[in-house]
């Protein structure tokens, strides 16, 4: 049974940090591309970052470059999203998802991803 479970969300002050986890079960995570997405209230889901299966190449949305880091622990079958220097506009539900293959030039496209987690809420507020 394929499952992705996010955790690590919460309430943090502007400038603070959080580390989100995406734990996979039912499949081996490093055989797939894993992406992180966010969805803010009233807005469409958008890509935040992804990590490739083959060589671990990473990709980021311009809005998070230099602040967020995606990584993978193969032994734990888990992908992480380290989020630093958080801003109020980062407030959203964060989802992880897996993709079998893709053209990385369009990695944020949701249609590449076949399984999604349930999401974890991140709120950045003073």
PDB file of N, CA and C in Angstrom:
ATOM      1  N   UNK A   1       0.849  -1.186   0.000  1.00  0.00           N
ATOM      2  CA  UNK A   1       0.000   0.000   0.000  1.00  0.00           C
ATOM      3  C   UNK A   1       0.884   1.236   0.000  1.00  0.00           C
ATOM      4  N   UNK A   2       0.825   2.014  -1.065  1.00  0.00           N
ATOM      5  CA  UNK A   2       1.639   3.211  -1.188  1.00  0.00           C
ATOM      6  C   UNK A   2       1.085   4.311  -0.289  1.00  0.00           C
ATOM      7  N   UNK A   3       1.962   4.908   0.491  1.00  0.00           N
ATOM      8  CA  UNK A   3       1.527   5.977   1.379  1.00  0.00           C
ATOM      9  C   UNK A   3       2.654   6.977   1.577  1.00  0.00           C
ATOM     10  N   UNK A   4       2.280   8.246   1.649  1.00  0.00           N
ATOM     11  CA  UNK A   4       3.195   9.335   1.975  1.00  0.00           C
ATOM     12  C   UNK A   4       2.586  10.086   3.153  1.00  0.00           C
ATOM     13  N   UNK A   5       3.374  10.303   4.185  1.00  0.00           N
ATOM     14  CA  UNK A   5       2.871  10.970   5.381  1.00  0.00           C
ATOM     15  C   UNK A   5       3.793  12.133   5.728  1.00  0.00           C
ATOM     16  N   UNK A   6       3.238  13.340   5.696  1.00  0.00           N
ATOM     17  CA  UNK A   6       3.996  14.536   6.053  1.00  0.00           C
ATOM     18  C   UNK A   6       3.873  14.810   7.558  1.00  0.00           C
ATOM     19  N   UNK A   7       4.902  15.416   8.097  1.00  0.00           N
ATOM     20  CA  UNK A   7       4.878  15.855   9.486  1.00  0.00           C
ATOM     21  C   UNK A   7       5.861  17.002   9.646  1.00  0.00           C
ATOM     22  N   UNK A   8       5.794  17.668  10.783  1.00  0.00           N
ATOM     23  CA  UNK A   8       6.742  18.727  11.091  1.00  0.00           C
ATOM     24  C   UNK A   8       6.208  20.133  10.954  1.00  0.00           C
ATOM     25  N   UNK A   9       4.979  20.268  10.503  1.00  0.00           N
ATOM     26  CA  UNK A   9       4.403  21.596  10.390  1.00  0.00           C
ATOM     27  C   UNK A   9       4.100  22.186  11.749  1.00  0.00           C
ATOM     28  N   UNK A  10       3.732  23.457  11.748  1.00  0.00           N
ATOM     29  CA  UNK A  10       3.392  24.124  12.993  1.00  0.00           C
ATOM     30  C   UNK A  10       3.367  25.617  12.831  1.00  0.00           C
ATOM     31  N   UNK A  11       3.346  26.291  13.981  1.00  0.00           N
ATOM     32  CA  UNK A  11       3.330  27.748  14.020  1.00  0.00           C
ATOM     33  C   UNK A  11       4.739  28.241  14.331  1.00  0.00           C
ATOM     34  N   UNK A  12       5.233  29.175  13.550  1.00  0.00           N
ATOM     35  CA  UNK A  12       6.582  29.705  13.746  1.00  0.00           C
ATOM     36  C   UNK A  12       6.568  31.198  13.476  1.00  0.00           C
ATOM     37  N   UNK A  13       7.438  31.928  14.169  1.00  0.00           N
ATOM     38  CA  UNK A  13       7.545  33.364  13.943  1.00  0.00           C
ATOM     39  C   UNK A  13       8.293  33.651  12.652  1.00  0.00           C
ATOM     40  N   UNK A  14       8.061  34.799  12.061  1.00  0.00           N
ATOM     41  CA  UNK A  14       8.852  35.189  10.879  1.00  0.00           C
ATOM     42  C   UNK A  14      10.343  35.149  11.185  1.00  0.00           C
ATOM     43  N   UNK A  15      11.094  34.602  10.235  1.00  0.00           N
ATOM     44  CA  UNK A  15      12.524  34.427  10.432  1.00  0.00           C
ATOM     45  C   UNK A  15      12.892  33.088  11.041  1.00  0.00           C
ATOM     46  N   UNK A  16      11.904  32.351  11.497  1.00  0.00           N
ATOM     47  CA  UNK A  16      12.153  31.063  12.122  1.00  0.00           C
ATOM     48  C   UNK A  16      12.337  29.939  11.117  1.00  0.00           C
ATOM     49  N   UNK A  17      12.491  28.737  11.645  1.00  0.00           N
ATOM     50  CA  UNK A  17      12.761  27.554  10.820  1.00  0.00           C
ATOM     51  C   UNK A  17      11.850  26.403  11.196  1.00  0.00           C
ATOM     52  N   UNK A  18      11.594  25.561  10.219  1.00  0.00           N
ATOM     53  CA  UNK A  18      10.900  24.299  10.422  1.00  0.00           C
ATOM     54  C   UNK A  18      11.520  23.268   9.502  1.00  0.00           C
ATOM     55  N   UNK A  19      11.442  22.005   9.906  1.00  0.00           N
ATOM     56  CA  UNK A  19      11.839  20.919   9.018  1.00  0.00           C
ATOM     57  C   UNK A  19      10.648  19.994   8.832  1.00  0.00           C
ATOM     58  N   UNK A  20      10.203  19.898   7.603  1.00  0.00           N
ATOM     59  CA  UNK A  20       9.114  18.989   7.266  1.00  0.00           C
ATOM     60  C   UNK A  20       9.683  17.637   6.859  1.00  0.00           C
ATOM     61  N   UNK A  21       8.951  16.589   7.201  1.00  0.00           N
ATOM     62  CA  UNK A  21       9.325  15.235   6.820  1.00  0.00           C
ATOM     63  C   UNK A  21       8.231  14.625   5.963  1.00  0.00           C
ATOM     64  N   UNK A  22       8.656  13.785   5.037  1.00  0.00           N
ATOM     65  CA  UNK A  22       7.733  13.043   4.183  1.00  0.00           C
ATOM     66  C   UNK A  22       8.172  11.588   4.236  1.00  0.00           C
ATOM     67  N   UNK A  23       7.473  10.800   5.029  1.00  0.00           N
ATOM     68  CA  UNK A  23       7.822   9.396   5.208  1.00  0.00           C
ATOM     69  C   UNK A  23       7.025   8.541   4.239  1.00  0.00           C
ATOM     70  N   UNK A  24       7.731   7.693   3.511  1.00  0.00           N
ATOM     71  CA  UNK A  24       7.092   6.850   2.510  1.00  0.00           C
ATOM     72  C   UNK A  24       6.984   5.415   3.012  1.00  0.00           C
ATOM     73  N   UNK A  25       5.921   4.745   2.596  1.00  0.00           N
ATOM     74  CA  UNK A  25       5.763   3.321   2.863  1.00  0.00           C
ATOM     75  C   UNK A  25       5.132   2.667   1.649  1.00  0.00           C
ATOM     76  N   UNK A  26       5.430   1.393   1.474  1.00  0.00           N
ATOM     77  CA  UNK A  26       4.877   0.663   0.341  1.00  0.00           C
ATOM     78  C   UNK A  26       5.693   0.769  -0.932  1.00  0.00           C
ATOM     79  N   UNK A  27       6.760   1.556  -0.896  1.00  0.00           N
ATOM     80  CA  UNK A  27       7.643   1.681  -2.045  1.00  0.00           C
ATOM     81  C   UNK A  27       8.960   2.285  -1.566  1.00  0.00           C
ATOM     82  N   UNK A  28       9.977   2.217  -2.429  1.00  0.00           N
ATOM     83  CA  UNK A  28      11.297   2.757  -2.086  1.00  0.00           C
ATOM     84  C   UNK A  28      11.420   4.157  -2.650  1.00  0.00           C
ATOM     85  N   UNK A  29      11.557   5.117  -1.747  1.00  0.00           N
ATOM     86  CA  UNK A  29      11.456   6.521  -2.135  1.00  0.00           C
ATOM     87  C   UNK A  29      12.528   6.951  -3.129  1.00  0.00           C
ATOM     88  N   UNK A  30      13.736   6.417  -3.012  1.00  0.00           N
ATOM     89  CA  UNK A  30      14.800   6.901  -3.892  1.00  0.00           C
ATOM     90  C   UNK A  30      14.700   6.340  -5.306  1.00  0.00           C
ATOM     91  N   UNK A  31      13.677   5.519  -5.569  1.00  0.00           N
ATOM     92  CA  UNK A  31      13.406   5.062  -6.931  1.00  0.00           C
ATOM     93  C   UNK A  31      12.478   6.037  -7.663  1.00  0.00           C
ATOM     94  N   UNK A  32      12.036   7.066  -6.969  1.00  0.00           N
ATOM     95  CA  UNK A  32      11.070   8.009  -7.519  1.00  0.00           C
ATOM     96  C   UNK A  32      11.526   9.445  -7.284  1.00  0.00           C
ATOM     97  N   UNK A  33      10.979  10.338  -8.079  1.00  0.00           N
ATOM     98  CA  UNK A  33      11.125  11.766  -7.812  1.00  0.00           C
ATOM     99  C   UNK A  33      10.164  12.124  -6.672  1.00  0.00           C
ATOM    100  N   UNK A  34      10.629  12.943  -5.755  1.00  0.00           N
ATOM    101  CA  UNK A  34       9.754  13.414  -4.693  1.00  0.00           C
ATOM    102  C   UNK A  34       9.673  14.937  -4.763  1.00  0.00           C
ATOM    103  N   UNK A  35       8.459  15.426  -4.700  1.00  0.00           N
ATOM    104  CA  UNK A  35       8.249  16.861  -4.746  1.00  0.00           C
ATOM    105  C   UNK A  35       7.543  17.373  -3.509  1.00  0.00           C
ATOM    106  N   UNK A  36       7.806  18.635  -3.181  1.00  0.00           N
ATOM    107  CA  UNK A  36       7.058  19.347  -2.146  1.00  0.00           C
ATOM    108  C   UNK A  36       6.248  20.445  -2.816  1.00  0.00           C
ATOM    109  N   UNK A  37       5.014  20.571  -2.382  1.00  0.00           N
ATOM    110  CA  UNK A  37       4.103  21.582  -2.898  1.00  0.00           C
ATOM    111  C   UNK A  37       3.475  22.331  -1.727  1.00  0.00           C
ATOM    112  N   UNK A  38       2.978  23.513  -1.997  1.00  0.00           N
ATOM    113  CA  UNK A  38       2.213  24.225  -0.982  1.00  0.00           C
ATOM    114  C   UNK A  38       0.910  24.725  -1.584  1.00  0.00           C
ATOM    115  N   UNK A  39      -0.063  24.869  -0.723  1.00  0.00           N
ATOM    116  CA  UNK A  39      -1.334  25.464  -1.137  1.00  0.00           C
ATOM    117  C   UNK A  39      -1.800  26.426  -0.064  1.00  0.00           C
ATOM    118  N   UNK A  40      -1.792  27.691  -0.410  1.00  0.00           N
ATOM    119  CA  UNK A  40      -2.260  28.723   0.495  1.00  0.00           C
ATOM    120  C   UNK A  40      -3.774  28.884   0.341  1.00  0.00           C
ATOM    121  N   UNK A  41      -4.446  29.405   1.360  1.00  0.00           N
ATOM    122  CA  UNK A  41      -5.900  29.561   1.288  1.00  0.00           C
ATOM    123  C   UNK A  41      -6.324  30.366   0.065  1.00  0.00           C
ATOM    124  N   UNK A  42      -7.250  29.802  -0.693  1.00  0.00           N
ATOM    125  CA  UNK A  42      -7.787  30.493  -1.853  1.00  0.00           C
ATOM    126  C   UNK A  42      -6.886  30.516  -3.068  1.00  0.00           C
ATOM    127  N   UNK A  43      -5.774  29.783  -2.985  1.00  0.00           N
ATOM    128  CA  UNK A  43      -4.833  29.776  -4.117  1.00  0.00           C
ATOM    129  C   UNK A  43      -4.619  28.356  -4.625  1.00  0.00           C
ATOM    130  N   UNK A  44      -4.061  28.274  -5.815  1.00  0.00           N
ATOM    131  CA  UNK A  44      -3.767  26.977  -6.397  1.00  0.00           C
ATOM    132  C   UNK A  44      -2.513  26.373  -5.761  1.00  0.00           C
ATOM    133  N   UNK A  45      -2.437  25.061  -5.819  1.00  0.00           N
ATOM    134  CA  UNK A  45      -1.249  24.362  -5.338  1.00  0.00           C
ATOM    135  C   UNK A  45      -0.063  24.719  -6.241  1.00  0.00           C
ATOM    136  N   UNK A  46       1.095  24.941  -5.633  1.00  0.00           N
ATOM    137  CA  UNK A  46       2.272  25.282  -6.417  1.00  0.00           C
ATOM    138  C   UNK A  46       3.488  24.506  -5.929  1.00  0.00           C
ATOM    139  N   UNK A  47       4.388  24.260  -6.856  1.00  0.00           N
ATOM    140  CA  UNK A  47       5.585  23.502  -6.527  1.00  0.00           C
ATOM    141  C   UNK A  47       6.574  24.317  -5.711  1.00  0.00           C
ATOM    142  N   UNK A  48       7.173  23.670  -4.727  1.00  0.00           N
ATOM    143  CA  UNK A  48       8.185  24.299  -3.881  1.00  0.00           C
ATOM    144  C   UNK A  48       9.575  23.776  -4.221  1.00  0.00           C
ATOM    145  N   UNK A  49       9.684  22.444  -4.320  1.00  0.00           N
ATOM    146  CA  UNK A  49      10.987  21.833  -4.550  1.00  0.00           C
ATOM    147  C   UNK A  49      10.789  20.395  -4.966  1.00  0.00           C
ATOM    148  N   UNK A  50      11.804  19.824  -5.614  1.00  0.00           N
ATOM    149  CA  UNK A  50      11.783  18.388  -5.851  1.00  0.00           C
ATOM    150  C   UNK A  50      13.204  17.853  -5.875  1.00  0.00           C
ATOM    151  N   UNK A  51      13.304  16.541  -5.662  1.00  0.00           N
ATOM    152  CA  UNK A  51      14.594  15.860  -5.678  1.00  0.00           C
ATOM    153  C   UNK A  51      14.476  14.650  -6.584  1.00  0.00           C
ATOM    154  N   UNK A  52      15.450  14.488  -7.480  1.00  0.00           N
ATOM    155  CA  UNK A  52      15.369  13.419  -8.461  1.00  0.00           C
ATOM    156  C   UNK A  52      15.767  12.088  -7.848  1.00  0.00           C
ATOM    157  N   UNK A  53      15.367  11.019  -8.535  1.00  0.00           N
ATOM    158  CA  UNK A  53      15.663   9.684  -8.041  1.00  0.00           C
ATOM    159  C   UNK A  53      17.076   9.247  -8.418  1.00  0.00           C
ATOM    160  N   UNK A  54      17.521   9.601  -9.600  1.00  0.00           N
ATOM    161  CA  UNK A  54      18.752   9.028 -10.142  1.00  0.00           C
ATOM    162  C   UNK A  54      19.993   9.585  -9.444  1.00  0.00           C
ATOM    163  N   UNK A  55      20.141  10.884  -9.473  1.00  0.00           N
ATOM    164  CA  UNK A  55      21.368  11.471  -8.943  1.00  0.00           C
ATOM    165  C   UNK A  55      21.119  12.442  -7.793  1.00  0.00           C
ATOM    166  N   UNK A  56      19.880  12.537  -7.350  1.00  0.00           N
ATOM    167  CA  UNK A  56      19.574  13.420  -6.230  1.00  0.00           C
ATOM    168  C   UNK A  56      19.610  14.889  -6.573  1.00  0.00           C
ATOM    169  N   UNK A  57      19.527  15.220  -7.868  1.00  0.00           N
ATOM    170  CA  UNK A  57      19.487  16.632  -8.248  1.00  0.00           C
ATOM    171  C   UNK A  57      18.277  17.302  -7.609  1.00  0.00           C
ATOM    172  N   UNK A  58      18.450  18.559  -7.253  1.00  0.00           N
ATOM    173  CA  UNK A  58      17.381  19.278  -6.571  1.00  0.00           C
ATOM    174  C   UNK A  58      16.934  20.493  -7.374  1.00  0.00           C
ATOM    175  N   UNK A  59      15.693  20.857  -7.205  1.00  0.00           N
ATOM    176  CA  UNK A  59      15.081  21.963  -7.927  1.00  0.00           C
ATOM    177  C   UNK A  59      14.233  22.759  -6.944  1.00  0.00           C
ATOM    178  N   UNK A  60      14.195  24.079  -7.152  1.00  0.00           N
ATOM    179  CA  UNK A  60      13.475  24.944  -6.220  1.00  0.00           C
ATOM    180  C   UNK A  60      12.694  26.017  -6.962  1.00  0.00           C
ATOM    181  N   UNK A  61      11.567  26.384  -6.377  1.00  0.00           N
ATOM    182  CA  UNK A  61      10.865  27.560  -6.858  1.00  0.00           C
ATOM    183  C   UNK A  61      11.687  28.799  -6.515  1.00  0.00           C
ATOM    184  N   UNK A  62      11.623  29.811  -7.345  1.00  0.00           N
ATOM    185  CA  UNK A  62      12.401  31.026  -7.109  1.00  0.00           C
ATOM    186  C   UNK A  62      12.100  31.634  -5.746  1.00  0.00           C
ATOM    187  N   UNK A  63      10.879  31.500  -5.301  1.00  0.00           N
ATOM    188  CA  UNK A  63      10.457  32.123  -4.041  1.00  0.00           C
ATOM    189  C   UNK A  63      11.128  31.520  -2.814  1.00  0.00           C
ATOM    190  N   UNK A  64      11.700  30.320  -2.959  1.00  0.00           N
ATOM    191  CA  UNK A  64      12.291  29.663  -1.781  1.00  0.00           C
ATOM    192  C   UNK A  64      13.793  29.411  -1.944  1.00  0.00           C
ATOM    193  N   UNK A  65      14.353  29.721  -3.088  1.00  0.00           N
ATOM    194  CA  UNK A  65      15.786  29.482  -3.304  1.00  0.00           C
ATOM    195  C   UNK A  65      16.617  30.225  -2.264  1.00  0.00           C
ATOM    196  N   UNK A  66      17.579  29.512  -1.710  1.00  0.00           N
ATOM    197  CA  UNK A  66      18.426  30.099  -0.679  1.00  0.00           C
ATOM    198  C   UNK A  66      17.852  30.012   0.720  1.00  0.00           C
ATOM    199  N   UNK A  67      16.580  29.657   0.839  1.00  0.00           N
ATOM    200  CA  UNK A  67      15.944  29.540   2.157  1.00  0.00           C
ATOM    201  C   UNK A  67      15.539  28.106   2.486  1.00  0.00           C
ATOM    202  N   UNK A  68      15.103  27.362   1.480  1.00  0.00           N
ATOM    203  CA  UNK A  68      14.636  25.985   1.688  1.00  0.00           C
ATOM    204  C   UNK A  68      15.650  25.006   1.103  1.00  0.00           C
ATOM    205  N   UNK A  69      15.762  23.840   1.731  1.00  0.00           N
ATOM    206  CA  UNK A  69      16.641  22.783   1.243  1.00  0.00           C
ATOM    207  C   UNK A  69      15.908  21.451   1.301  1.00  0.00           C
ATOM    208  N   UNK A  70      15.891  20.758   0.188  1.00  0.00           N
ATOM    209  CA  UNK A  70      15.288  19.427   0.140  1.00  0.00           C
ATOM    210  C   UNK A  70      16.398  18.396   0.247  1.00  0.00           C
ATOM    211  N   UNK A  71      16.117  17.298   0.961  1.00  0.00           N
ATOM    212  CA  UNK A  71      17.105  16.233   1.109  1.00  0.00           C
ATOM    213  C   UNK A  71      16.375  14.911   1.299  1.00  0.00           C
ATOM    214  N   UNK A  72      17.146  13.843   1.211  1.00  0.00           N
ATOM    215  CA  UNK A  72      16.539  12.506   1.319  1.00  0.00           C
ATOM    216  C   UNK A  72      17.432  11.620   2.169  1.00  0.00           C
ATOM    217  N   UNK A  73      16.810  10.852   3.038  1.00  0.00           N
ATOM    218  CA  UNK A  73      17.498   9.834   3.843  1.00  0.00           C
ATOM    219  C   UNK A  73      16.986   8.486   3.365  1.00  0.00           C
ATOM    220  N   UNK A  74      17.788   7.807   2.559  1.00  0.00           N
ATOM    221  CA  UNK A  74      17.339   6.539   1.976  1.00  0.00           C
ATOM    222  C   UNK A  74      17.115   5.470   3.046  1.00  0.00           C
ATOM    223  N   UNK A  75      17.927   5.480   4.080  1.00  0.00           N
ATOM    224  CA  UNK A  75      17.785   4.468   5.139  1.00  0.00           C
ATOM    225  C   UNK A  75      16.445   4.604   5.864  1.00  0.00           C
ATOM    226  N   UNK A  76      15.954   5.839   5.956  1.00  0.00           N
ATOM    227  CA  UNK A  76      14.679   6.089   6.622  1.00  0.00           C
ATOM    228  C   UNK A  76      13.516   6.197   5.640  1.00  0.00           C
ATOM    229  N   UNK A  77      13.835   6.098   4.344  1.00  0.00           N
ATOM    230  CA  UNK A  77      12.791   6.212   3.305  1.00  0.00           C
ATOM    231  C   UNK A  77      11.979   7.495   3.494  1.00  0.00           C
ATOM    232  N   UNK A  78      12.706   8.580   3.715  1.00  0.00           N
ATOM    233  CA  UNK A  78      12.082   9.853   4.064  1.00  0.00           C
ATOM    234  C   UNK A  78      12.755  10.992   3.309  1.00  0.00           C
ATOM    235  N   UNK A  79      11.947  11.932   2.869  1.00  0.00           N
ATOM    236  CA  UNK A  79      12.443  13.165   2.266  1.00  0.00           C
ATOM    237  C   UNK A  79      12.117  14.318   3.212  1.00  0.00           C
ATOM    238  N   UNK A  80      13.042  15.255   3.303  1.00  0.00           N
ATOM    239  CA  UNK A  80      12.883  16.395   4.211  1.00  0.00           C
ATOM    240  C   UNK A  80      12.830  17.702   3.427  1.00  0.00           C
ATOM    241  N   UNK A  81      12.212  18.688   4.045  1.00  0.00           N
ATOM    242  CA  UNK A  81      12.258  20.047   3.531  1.00  0.00           C
ATOM    243  C   UNK A  81      12.639  20.949   4.700  1.00  0.00           C
ATOM    244  N   UNK A  82      13.892  21.395   4.699  1.00  0.00           N
ATOM    245  CA  UNK A  82      14.357  22.332   5.711  1.00  0.00           C
ATOM    246  C   UNK A  82      13.985  23.730   5.268  1.00  0.00           C
ATOM    247  N   UNK A  83      13.230  24.422   6.094  1.00  0.00           N
ATOM    248  CA  UNK A  83      12.734  25.749   5.732  1.00  0.00           C
ATOM    249  C   UNK A  83      13.292  26.761   6.726  1.00  0.00           C
ATOM    250  N   UNK A  84      14.120  27.658   6.233  1.00  0.00           N
ATOM    251  CA  UNK A  84      14.718  28.706   7.050  1.00  0.00           C
ATOM    252  C   UNK A  84      14.217  30.073   6.616  1.00  0.00           C
ATOM    253  N   UNK A  85      14.440  31.055   7.462  1.00  0.00           N
ATOM    254  CA  UNK A  85      14.053  32.439   7.159  1.00  0.00           C
ATOM    255  C   UNK A  85      12.610  32.511   6.683  1.00  0.00           C
ATOM    256  N   UNK A  86      11.750  31.865   7.415  1.00  0.00           N
ATOM    257  CA  UNK A  86      10.351  31.788   6.998  1.00  0.00           C
ATOM    258  C   UNK A  86       9.674  33.141   7.018  1.00  0.00           C
ATOM    259  N   UNK A  87       8.769  33.324   6.072  1.00  0.00           N
ATOM    260  CA  UNK A  87       8.032  34.565   5.900  1.00  0.00           C
ATOM    261  C   UNK A  87       6.532  34.287   6.053  1.00  0.00           C
ATOM    262  N   UNK A  88       5.757  35.283   6.390  1.00  0.00           N
ATOM    263  CA  UNK A  88       4.305  35.076   6.482  1.00  0.00           C
ATOM    264  C   UNK A  88       3.699  34.517   5.195  1.00  0.00           C
ATOM    265  N   UNK A  89       4.259  34.896   4.059  1.00  0.00           N
ATOM    266  CA  UNK A  89       3.718  34.396   2.793  1.00  0.00           C
ATOM    267  C   UNK A  89       4.039  32.924   2.534  1.00  0.00           C
ATOM    268  N   UNK A  90       4.848  32.295   3.394  1.00  0.00           N
ATOM    269  CA  UNK A  90       5.082  30.857   3.297  1.00  0.00           C
ATOM    270  C   UNK A  90       3.960  30.065   3.960  1.00  0.00           C
ATOM    271  N   UNK A  91       3.050  30.743   4.628  1.00  0.00           N
ATOM    272  CA  UNK A  91       1.939  30.073   5.294  1.00  0.00           C
ATOM    273  C   UNK A  91       1.086  29.318   4.284  1.00  0.00           C
ATOM    274  N   UNK A  92       0.915  28.015   4.531  1.00  0.00           N
ATOM    275  CA  UNK A  92       0.190  27.163   3.595  1.00  0.00           C
ATOM    276  C   UNK A  92       0.139  25.751   4.151  1.00  0.00           C
ATOM    277  N   UNK A  93      -0.610  24.915   3.477  1.00  0.00           N
ATOM    278  CA  UNK A  93      -0.517  23.474   3.704  1.00  0.00           C
ATOM    279  C   UNK A  93       0.543  22.947   2.748  1.00  0.00           C
ATOM    280  N   UNK A  94       1.462  22.166   3.284  1.00  0.00           N
ATOM    281  CA  UNK A  94       2.555  21.614   2.489  1.00  0.00           C
ATOM    282  C   UNK A  94       2.317  20.129   2.255  1.00  0.00           C
ATOM    283  N   UNK A  95       2.460  19.729   1.005  1.00  0.00           N
ATOM    284  CA  UNK A  95       2.240  18.354   0.599  1.00  0.00           C
ATOM    285  C   UNK A  95       3.512  17.791  -0.027  1.00  0.00           C
ATOM    286  N   UNK A  96       3.737  16.498   0.172  1.00  0.00           N
ATOM    287  CA  UNK A  96       4.756  15.834  -0.622  1.00  0.00           C
ATOM    288  C   UNK A  96       4.057  14.875  -1.588  1.00  0.00           C
ATOM    289  N   UNK A  97       4.745  14.569  -2.665  1.00  0.00           N
ATOM    290  CA  UNK A  97       4.176  13.726  -3.703  1.00  0.00           C
ATOM    291  C   UNK A  97       5.307  13.013  -4.430  1.00  0.00           C
ATOM    292  N   UNK A  98       4.976  11.894  -5.053  1.00  0.00           N
ATOM    293  CA  UNK A  98       6.000  11.172  -5.793  1.00  0.00           C
ATOM    294  C   UNK A  98       5.648  11.139  -7.281  1.00  0.00           C
ATOM    295  N   UNK A  99       6.699  11.043  -8.095  1.00  0.00           N
ATOM    296  CA  UNK A  99       6.535  10.921  -9.535  1.00  0.00           C
ATOM    297  C   UNK A  99       7.457   9.823 -10.036  1.00  0.00           C
ATOM    298  N   UNK A 100       6.978   9.064 -11.009  1.00  0.00           N
ATOM    299  CA  UNK A 100       7.796   7.994 -11.572  1.00  0.00           C
ATOM    300  C   UNK A 100       8.864   8.552 -12.485  1.00  0.00           C
ATOM    301  N   UNK A 101       8.492   9.475 -13.321  1.00  0.00           N
ATOM    302  CA  UNK A 101       9.433  10.102 -14.236  1.00  0.00           C
ATOM    303  C   UNK A 101       8.868  11.443 -14.645  1.00  0.00           C
ATOM    304  N   UNK A 102       9.697  12.296 -15.231  1.00  0.00           N
ATOM    305  CA  UNK A 102       9.242  13.615 -15.659  1.00  0.00           C
ATOM    306  C   UNK A 102      10.303  14.285 -16.495  1.00  0.00           C
ATOM    307  N   UNK A 103       9.900  15.360 -17.106  1.00  0.00           N
ATOM    308  CA  UNK A 103      10.843  16.294 -17.697  1.00  0.00           C
ATOM    309  C   UNK A 103      11.100  17.352 -16.629  1.00  0.00           C
ATOM    310  N   UNK A 104      12.307  17.427 -16.143  1.00  0.00           N
ATOM    311  CA  UNK A 104      12.576  18.275 -14.976  1.00  0.00           C
ATOM    312  C   UNK A 104      12.405  19.765 -15.262  1.00  0.00           C
ATOM    313  N   UNK A 105      12.382  20.132 -16.540  1.00  0.00           N
ATOM    314  CA  UNK A 105      12.124  21.540 -16.843  1.00  0.00           C
ATOM    315  C   UNK A 105      10.726  21.949 -16.397  1.00  0.00           C
ATOM    316  N   UNK A 106       9.841  20.980 -16.206  1.00  0.00           N
ATOM    317  CA  UNK A 106       8.469  21.281 -15.770  1.00  0.00           C
ATOM    318  C   UNK A 106       8.140  20.559 -14.471  1.00  0.00           C
ATOM    319  N   UNK A 107       9.117  20.444 -13.587  1.00  0.00           N
ATOM    320  CA  UNK A 107       8.907  19.666 -12.368  1.00  0.00           C
ATOM    321  C   UNK A 107       7.731  20.143 -11.510  1.00  0.00           C
ATOM    322  N   UNK A 108       7.366  21.439 -11.507  1.00  0.00           N
ATOM    323  CA  UNK A 108       6.245  21.827 -10.631  1.00  0.00           C
ATOM    324  C   UNK A 108       4.866  21.392 -11.125  1.00  0.00           C
ATOM    325  N   UNK A 109       4.801  20.812 -12.311  1.00  0.00           N
ATOM    326  CA  UNK A 109       3.492  20.447 -12.844  1.00  0.00           C
ATOM    327  C   UNK A 109       2.904  19.293 -12.061  1.00  0.00           C
ATOM    328  N   UNK A 110       1.757  19.486 -11.460  1.00  0.00           N
ATOM    329  CA  UNK A 110       1.141  18.493 -10.570  1.00  0.00           C
ATOM    330  C   UNK A 110       0.856  17.169 -11.266  1.00  0.00           C
ATOM    331  N   UNK A 111       0.595  17.205 -12.556  1.00  0.00           N
ATOM    332  CA  UNK A 111       0.195  15.996 -13.272  1.00  0.00           C
ATOM    333  C   UNK A 111       1.307  14.960 -13.359  1.00  0.00           C
ATOM    334  N   UNK A 112       2.557  15.361 -13.077  1.00  0.00           N
ATOM    335  CA  UNK A 112       3.638  14.377 -13.071  1.00  0.00           C
ATOM    336  C   UNK A 112       3.505  13.417 -11.881  1.00  0.00           C
ATOM    337  N   UNK A 113       2.846  13.846 -10.811  1.00  0.00           N
ATOM    338  CA  UNK A 113       2.874  13.158  -9.529  1.00  0.00           C
ATOM    339  C   UNK A 113       1.636  12.285  -9.346  1.00  0.00           C
ATOM    340  N   UNK A 114       1.863  11.031  -8.921  1.00  0.00           N
ATOM    341  CA  UNK A 114       0.735  10.102  -8.849  1.00  0.00           C
ATOM    342  C   UNK A 114       0.232   9.822  -7.437  1.00  0.00           C
ATOM    343  N   UNK A 115       1.063   9.975  -6.431  1.00  0.00           N
ATOM    344  CA  UNK A 115       0.625   9.790  -5.048  1.00  0.00           C
ATOM    345  C   UNK A 115       0.986  11.021  -4.234  1.00  0.00           C
ATOM    346  N   UNK A 116       0.061  11.410  -3.372  1.00  0.00           N
ATOM    347  CA  UNK A 116       0.194  12.606  -2.559  1.00  0.00           C
ATOM    348  C   UNK A 116      -0.060  12.274  -1.092  1.00  0.00           C
ATOM    349  N   UNK A 117       0.631  13.000  -0.224  1.00  0.00           N
ATOM    350  CA  UNK A 117       0.328  12.895   1.189  1.00  0.00           C
ATOM    351  C   UNK A 117      -0.878  13.746   1.549  1.00  0.00           C
ATOM    352  N   UNK A 118      -1.209  13.744   2.828  1.00  0.00           N
ATOM    353  CA  UNK A 118      -2.409  14.444   3.301  1.00  0.00           C
ATOM    354  C   UNK A 118      -2.121  15.909   3.638  1.00  0.00           C
ATOM    355  N   UNK A 119      -0.870  16.263   3.734  1.00  0.00           N
ATOM    356  CA  UNK A 119      -0.490  17.646   3.981  1.00  0.00           C
ATOM    357  C   UNK A 119      -0.219  17.940   5.439  1.00  0.00           C
ATOM    358  N   UNK A 120       0.594  18.967   5.664  1.00  0.00           N
ATOM    359  CA  UNK A 120       0.876  19.454   7.007  1.00  0.00           C
ATOM    360  C   UNK A 120       0.826  20.985   6.977  1.00  0.00           C
ATOM    361  N   UNK A 121       0.192  21.572   7.972  1.00  0.00           N
ATOM    362  CA  UNK A 121      -0.011  23.014   8.000  1.00  0.00           C
ATOM    363  C   UNK A 121       1.227  23.730   8.528  1.00  0.00           C
ATOM    364  N   UNK A 122       1.648  24.749   7.800  1.00  0.00           N
ATOM    365  CA  UNK A 122       2.720  25.639   8.237  1.00  0.00           C
ATOM    366  C   UNK A 122       2.139  27.044   8.343  1.00  0.00           C
ATOM    367  N   UNK A 123       2.269  27.628   9.515  1.00  0.00           N
ATOM    368  CA  UNK A 123       1.779  28.984   9.729  1.00  0.00           C
ATOM    369  C   UNK A 123       2.925  29.849  10.238  1.00  0.00           C
ATOM    370  N   UNK A 124       3.191  30.930   9.509  1.00  0.00           N
ATOM    371  CA  UNK A 124       4.257  31.861   9.881  1.00  0.00           C
ATOM    372  C   UNK A 124       3.602  33.172  10.288  1.00  0.00           C
ATOM    373  N   UNK A 125       3.687  33.464  11.572  1.00  0.00           N
ATOM    374  CA  UNK A 125       2.988  34.636  12.090  1.00  0.00           C
ATOM    375  C   UNK A 125       3.649  35.105  13.372  1.00  0.00           C
ATOM    376  N   UNK A 126       3.604  36.411  13.578  1.00  0.00           N
ATOM    377  CA  UNK A 126       4.121  36.967  14.833  1.00  0.00           C
ATOM    378  C   UNK A 126       3.012  37.063  15.867  1.00  0.00           C
TER     379      UNK A 126
END
